[in-house]
Amino acid sequence: MVNMLCTYCHSELKAHRSLIANYEATAYIENDKLYVESIDRRGRLSFRDKIHINYCPMCGRKIG
């Protein structure tokens, strides 16, 4: 069995790797939080929120 590490949640591999990234929104995992950010038409941060998560949404690994 190959032990593969998730690049979204494993602390040694992640470097703000985005789950979603486009012109208007970004979502990423940091520690046990899922962050969502939105940019307005002028390129300024218009919205940022975070939510506590127990499992990585990409691989299902328990976080924390």
Protein backbone atom coordinates (compact mmCIF):
# COMPACT_ATOMS: atom_id res chain seq x y z
CA MET A 1 0.00 0.00 0.00
CA VAL A 2 1.35 3.42 -0.96
CA ASN A 3 1.19 6.09 1.75
CA MET A 4 0.21 9.27 -0.09
CA LEU A 5 0.08 12.58 1.72
CA CYS A 6 -2.56 15.16 0.93
CA THR A 7 -1.03 18.39 -0.38
CA TYR A 8 -4.01 20.38 0.96
CA CYS A 9 -3.87 19.44 4.63
CA HIS A 10 -0.55 17.73 5.44
CA SER A 11 1.58 20.23 7.35
CA GLU A 12 4.87 19.38 5.61
CA LEU A 13 3.48 19.77 2.08
CA LYS A 14 0.95 22.57 2.19
CA ALA A 15 1.83 26.16 1.50
CA HIS A 16 -1.58 27.83 1.22
CA ARG A 17 -2.55 25.47 -1.56
CA SER A 18 -5.96 26.64 -2.69
CA LEU A 19 -8.95 24.32 -2.86
CA ILE A 20 -10.65 26.84 -5.14
CA ALA A 21 -8.84 29.65 -6.89
CA ASN A 22 -10.23 32.00 -9.48
CA TYR A 23 -10.45 35.74 -9.98
CA GLU A 24 -13.19 36.23 -7.40
CA ALA A 25 -12.71 33.60 -4.68
CA THR A 26 -10.14 31.48 -2.89
CA ALA A 27 -10.62 28.69 -0.34
CA TYR A 28 -7.79 27.04 1.59
CA ILE A 29 -7.04 25.05 4.74
CA GLU A 30 -4.86 26.41 7.53
CA ASN A 31 -4.45 24.25 10.63
CA ASP A 32 -8.02 23.22 11.54
CA LYS A 33 -9.75 26.07 9.69
CA LEU A 34 -11.21 26.38 6.20
CA TYR A 35 -10.78 29.95 4.92
CA VAL A 36 -12.84 31.54 2.15
CA GLU A 37 -11.84 34.88 0.65
CA SER A 38 -13.45 37.01 -2.03
CA ILE A 39 -11.89 39.81 -4.07
CA ASP A 40 -13.84 42.78 -5.44
CA ARG A 41 -13.52 44.20 -8.96
CA ARG A 42 -10.68 46.47 -7.87
CA GLY A 43 -8.65 43.55 -6.56
CA ARG A 44 -9.25 44.29 -2.88
CA LEU A 45 -10.23 41.74 -0.27
CA SER A 46 -13.97 42.19 0.15
CA PHE A 47 -14.87 39.14 2.24
CA ARG A 48 -12.98 36.70 4.45
CA ASP A 49 -14.44 34.06 6.70
CA LYS A 50 -13.20 30.93 8.41
CA ILE A 51 -14.85 27.85 9.77
CA HIS A 52 -13.50 25.14 12.07
CA ILE A 53 -13.27 21.77 10.32
CA ASN A 54 -12.62 18.30 11.71
CA TYR A 55 -11.73 16.55 8.44
CA CYS A 56 -9.93 17.59 5.27
CA PRO A 57 -12.53 18.15 2.52
CA MET A 58 -10.11 16.73 -0.09
CA CYS A 59 -8.80 13.52 1.50
CA GLY A 60 -10.99 12.98 4.59
CA ARG A 61 -8.07 12.91 7.04
CA LYS A 62 -8.95 13.90 10.62
CA ILE A 63 -7.48 17.31 11.37
CA GLY A 64 -6.39 18.46 14.82
